[in-house]
Amino acid sequence: MAQRTIHYLLGEELIPLGIRDADRFRIGNLLPDAIEDLVFRAQTHYQIDTVKGGKSLRFSDFERFRRNFSPLVETDGLYLGYYMHLVEDACYRIFWQKVRLFERDMTREKVAILHNDYHLLNAYIVSRYHIRDELVWPEGFESEPVNRIYPFLLRDFLSEMRGDFTEHPEGKTVYMTEALLEEYLSDTRGVCRDALRRILTGGEPLDPMSLTW
């Protein structure tokens, strides 16, 4: 999954395009990653394994999420943010394959190295794109319907993320470099804007099968 500051950055770029409640959108756009362990990722990201043309594929069924939480996706920034997170991560998985960042199945050791890359990239993202901590706790979150998916550990997640805006660790990235980050952003921005436009205008939603990996 993409690092949380990448999601935050993409969210900040989407907010001016018609998001009415930026505070709730920011939270929703981070929420699927507020989990205890990566074993829950497939659950919170609506990940599906399928076969098409004799080839095994995976995709994030963000359309099922939209249907399950309609009309909230269309009317509530938190649920729209969650939806966009799923689109962003699908693009990230496709990008992995494009640049062969990883083989299909990752080990915990390799995930740990990637997460260290994320820490190293935080200072670059904050400086390059001038993002700042504007996270606001959503009142009444514990009773939100979205918690039917998973008992999200949002308070701990946000507490940890606040450090992303100020950390400056030493070292060099191994998998995800600054150049690859910029390439991913270039590949993804148009897809996200299109997906958001479809929702905000009441158009035909983006087909999850258009973003398989």
Protein backbone atom coordinates (compact mmCIF):
# COMPACT_ATOMS: atom_id res chain seq x y z
CA MET A 1 0.00 0.00 0.00
CA ALA A 2 1.09 3.55 -0.63
CA GLN A 3 2.56 5.46 2.28
CA ARG A 4 0.21 7.64 4.27
CA THR A 5 1.86 10.91 3.24
CA ILE A 6 1.37 9.95 -0.43
CA HIS A 7 -2.34 9.44 0.26
CA TYR A 8 -2.39 12.71 2.17
CA LEU A 9 -0.70 14.54 -0.71
CA LEU A 10 -3.06 13.13 -3.33
CA GLY A 11 -5.97 14.04 -1.09
CA GLU A 12 -4.76 17.62 -0.73
CA GLU A 13 -4.59 17.89 -4.52
CA LEU A 14 -8.16 16.56 -4.85
CA ILE A 15 -9.76 18.77 -2.19
CA PRO A 16 -9.92 21.91 -4.40
CA LEU A 17 -11.80 19.95 -7.08
CA GLY A 18 -15.10 19.99 -5.23
CA ILE A 19 -14.65 18.40 -1.79
CA ARG A 20 -17.07 20.11 0.59
CA ASP A 21 -15.72 18.82 3.92
CA ALA A 22 -11.94 18.73 3.68
CA ASP A 23 -11.47 17.60 7.30
CA ARG A 24 -13.56 14.45 6.89
CA PHE A 25 -12.14 13.77 3.45
CA ARG A 26 -8.57 13.80 4.81
CA ILE A 27 -9.51 11.25 7.45
CA GLY A 28 -11.33 8.98 5.02
CA ASN A 29 -8.45 9.11 2.58
CA LEU A 30 -6.19 7.62 5.26
CA LEU A 31 -8.64 5.36 7.05
CA PRO A 32 -8.19 2.00 5.22
CA ASP A 33 -4.61 1.82 6.53
CA ALA A 34 -5.56 2.36 10.19
CA ILE A 35 -5.29 -1.36 10.93
CA GLU A 36 -3.44 -3.50 13.44
CA ASP A 37 -1.61 -5.71 10.95
CA LEU A 38 -1.18 -6.08 7.20
CA VAL A 39 -3.16 -9.32 7.31
CA PHE A 40 -6.27 -7.11 7.48
CA ARG A 41 -5.32 -5.12 4.39
CA ALA A 42 -7.34 -7.21 1.93
CA GLN A 43 -10.39 -6.75 4.16
CA THR A 44 -10.21 -2.97 4.48
CA HIS A 45 -9.16 -2.49 0.84
CA TYR A 46 -11.91 -4.68 -0.63
CA GLN A 47 -9.27 -6.77 -2.39
CA ILE A 48 -10.57 -9.48 -4.71
CA ASP A 49 -8.74 -12.29 -6.50
CA THR A 50 -10.18 -13.24 -9.87
CA VAL A 51 -9.31 -14.86 -13.18
CA LYS A 52 -9.70 -13.13 -16.52
CA GLY A 53 -8.61 -14.65 -19.82
CA GLY A 54 -6.92 -17.46 -17.94
CA LYS A 55 -4.80 -14.99 -15.97
CA SER A 56 -4.95 -14.53 -12.19
CA LEU A 57 -5.66 -10.93 -11.26
CA ARG A 58 -6.38 -8.85 -8.20
CA PHE A 59 -8.39 -5.69 -7.88
CA SER A 60 -9.81 -3.39 -5.25
CA ASP A 61 -13.59 -3.48 -5.48
CA PHE A 62 -14.14 0.18 -4.68
CA GLU A 63 -17.45 -0.01 -6.53
CA ARG A 64 -18.72 -2.53 -3.96
CA PHE A 65 -17.61 -0.13 -1.23
CA ARG A 66 -19.55 2.66 -2.97
CA ARG A 67 -22.69 0.54 -3.20
CA ASN A 68 -22.38 -0.61 0.42
CA PHE A 69 -22.11 2.97 1.66
CA SER A 70 -24.34 4.80 -0.79
CA PRO A 71 -25.35 7.59 -0.59
CA LEU A 72 -22.60 8.40 1.94
CA VAL A 73 -19.83 8.17 -0.68
CA GLU A 74 -21.66 10.81 -2.69
CA THR A 75 -22.52 13.07 0.26
CA ASP A 76 -19.97 12.59 3.07
CA GLY A 77 -16.30 13.48 2.71
CA LEU A 78 -15.11 10.69 4.98
CA TYR A 79 -16.64 7.99 2.79
CA LEU A 80 -15.59 9.68 -0.42
CA GLY A 81 -12.05 9.87 0.97
CA TYR A 82 -12.11 6.15 1.75
CA TYR A 83 -13.27 5.45 -1.80
CA MET A 84 -10.44 7.54 -3.25
CA HIS A 85 -7.89 5.74 -1.06
CA LEU A 86 -8.90 2.46 -2.70
CA VAL A 87 -8.44 3.98 -6.16
CA GLU A 88 -5.05 5.41 -5.18
CA ASP A 89 -3.82 2.06 -3.87
CA ALA A 90 -5.02 0.20 -6.97
CA CYS A 91 -2.95 2.63 -9.03
CA TYR A 92 -0.02 1.99 -6.70
CA ARG A 93 -0.20 -1.76 -7.20
CA ILE A 94 -0.32 -1.28 -10.97
CA PHE A 95 2.70 1.01 -10.69
CA TRP A 96 4.59 -1.69 -8.78
CA GLN A 97 4.15 -4.04 -11.70
CA LYS A 98 5.08 -1.40 -14.23
CA VAL A 99 8.46 -0.66 -12.65
CA ARG A 100 8.89 -4.14 -11.11
CA LEU A 101 9.24 -2.62 -7.67
CA PHE A 102 8.38 -5.97 -6.07
CA GLU A 103 7.51 -9.46 -7.09
CA ARG A 104 3.82 -10.34 -6.59
CA ASP A 105 4.17 -11.68 -3.05
CA MET A 106 6.19 -9.66 -0.56
CA THR A 107 7.93 -10.89 2.55
CA ARG A 108 7.60 -9.05 5.85
CA GLU A 109 11.29 -8.17 5.62
CA LYS A 110 10.81 -6.46 2.26
CA VAL A 111 7.74 -4.65 3.51
CA ALA A 112 9.83 -3.34 6.42
CA ILE A 113 12.43 -2.02 3.96
CA LEU A 114 9.71 -0.34 1.90
CA HIS A 115 8.24 1.26 5.01
CA ASN A 116 11.68 2.62 5.86
CA ASP A 117 11.78 4.13 2.36
CA TYR A 118 8.50 5.82 3.21
CA HIS A 119 10.01 7.38 6.30
CA LEU A 120 12.96 8.61 4.25
CA LEU A 121 10.60 10.13 1.68
CA ASN A 122 8.45 11.98 4.17
CA ALA A 123 10.77 14.98 4.40
CA TYR A 124 10.93 15.17 0.60
CA ILE A 125 7.13 15.12 0.24
CA VAL A 126 6.59 17.73 2.96
CA SER A 127 9.24 20.04 1.51
CA ARG A 128 8.45 19.53 -2.18
CA TYR A 129 4.69 19.89 -1.88
CA HIS A 130 4.41 22.10 1.23
CA ILE A 131 1.90 19.85 2.94
CA ARG A 132 1.24 20.37 6.63
CA ASP A 133 -0.62 18.59 9.39
CA GLU A 134 -4.28 19.57 9.06
CA LEU A 135 -5.73 16.39 10.53
CA VAL A 136 -8.86 16.90 12.62
CA TRP A 137 -10.40 14.14 14.72
CA PRO A 138 -13.90 13.30 13.39
CA GLU A 139 -16.31 13.64 16.29
CA GLY A 140 -18.46 10.56 16.86
CA PHE A 141 -16.15 8.39 14.78
CA GLU A 142 -16.75 5.33 16.95
CA SER A 143 -20.37 5.19 15.75
CA GLU A 144 -19.59 5.64 12.05
CA PRO A 145 -21.02 2.90 9.80
CA VAL A 146 -17.59 2.47 8.22
CA ASN A 147 -16.48 0.63 11.34
CA ARG A 148 -18.57 -2.31 10.18
CA ILE A 149 -15.70 -3.09 7.80
CA TYR A 150 -13.09 -3.24 10.55
CA PRO A 151 -12.66 -1.71 14.04
CA PHE A 152 -10.29 0.97 12.76
CA LEU A 153 -7.47 2.08 15.08
CA LEU A 154 -7.77 5.66 13.92
CA ARG A 155 -6.61 7.48 17.05
CA ASP A 156 -3.32 5.55 17.21
CA PHE A 157 -2.86 5.88 13.45
CA LEU A 158 -3.25 9.66 13.47
CA SER A 159 -0.96 9.98 16.47
CA GLU A 160 1.77 8.10 14.60
CA MET A 161 1.21 10.00 11.37
CA ARG A 162 1.73 13.40 12.95
CA GLY A 163 5.41 12.52 13.17
CA ASP A 164 5.58 12.07 9.39
CA PHE A 165 5.40 15.83 8.89
CA THR A 166 8.53 16.57 10.93
CA GLU A 167 10.85 13.55 10.75
CA HIS A 168 14.22 13.66 8.99
CA PRO A 169 15.78 10.18 9.19
CA GLU A 170 19.13 9.45 7.63
CA GLY A 171 19.80 6.87 4.94
CA LYS A 172 19.00 6.06 1.31
CA THR A 173 15.88 4.53 -0.13
CA VAL A 174 16.05 0.97 -1.47
CA TYR A 175 12.81 0.42 -3.39
CA MET A 176 10.83 3.65 -3.62
CA THR A 177 13.03 6.56 -4.73
CA GLU A 178 12.10 10.21 -5.18
CA ALA A 179 12.08 9.73 -8.96
CA LEU A 180 9.77 6.71 -8.73
CA LEU A 181 7.49 8.61 -6.37
CA GLU A 182 7.15 11.40 -8.92
CA GLU A 183 6.46 8.85 -11.66
CA TYR A 184 3.72 7.24 -9.58
CA LEU A 185 2.12 10.61 -8.89
CA SER A 186 2.21 11.45 -12.59
CA ASP A 187 0.55 8.14 -13.46
CA THR A 188 -2.10 8.43 -10.76
CA ARG A 189 -3.32 12.02 -10.68
CA GLY A 190 -5.41 11.75 -13.83
CA VAL A 191 -7.05 8.50 -12.74
CA CYS A 192 -7.98 9.96 -9.35
CA ARG A 193 -9.37 13.15 -10.81
CA ASP A 194 -11.49 11.15 -13.24
CA ALA A 195 -12.78 8.85 -10.48
CA LEU A 196 -13.62 11.85 -8.28
CA ARG A 197 -15.34 13.72 -11.12
CA ARG A 198 -17.55 10.73 -11.84
CA ILE A 199 -18.75 10.61 -8.25
CA LEU A 200 -19.23 14.36 -7.81
CA THR A 201 -21.18 14.73 -11.05
CA GLY A 202 -23.33 11.65 -10.58
CA GLY A 203 -21.78 9.98 -13.60
CA GLU A 204 -20.97 6.34 -14.25
CA PRO A 205 -18.52 5.26 -11.50
CA LEU A 206 -15.06 4.05 -12.44
CA ASP A 207 -14.96 0.32 -13.20
CA PRO A 208 -12.71 -1.45 -10.65
CA MET A 209 -11.75 -3.97 -13.34
CA SER A 210 -10.04 -1.15 -15.20
CA LEU A 211 -7.43 -1.14 -12.40
CA THR A 212 -6.35 -4.76 -12.01
CA TRP A 213 -2.89 -5.96 -11.09
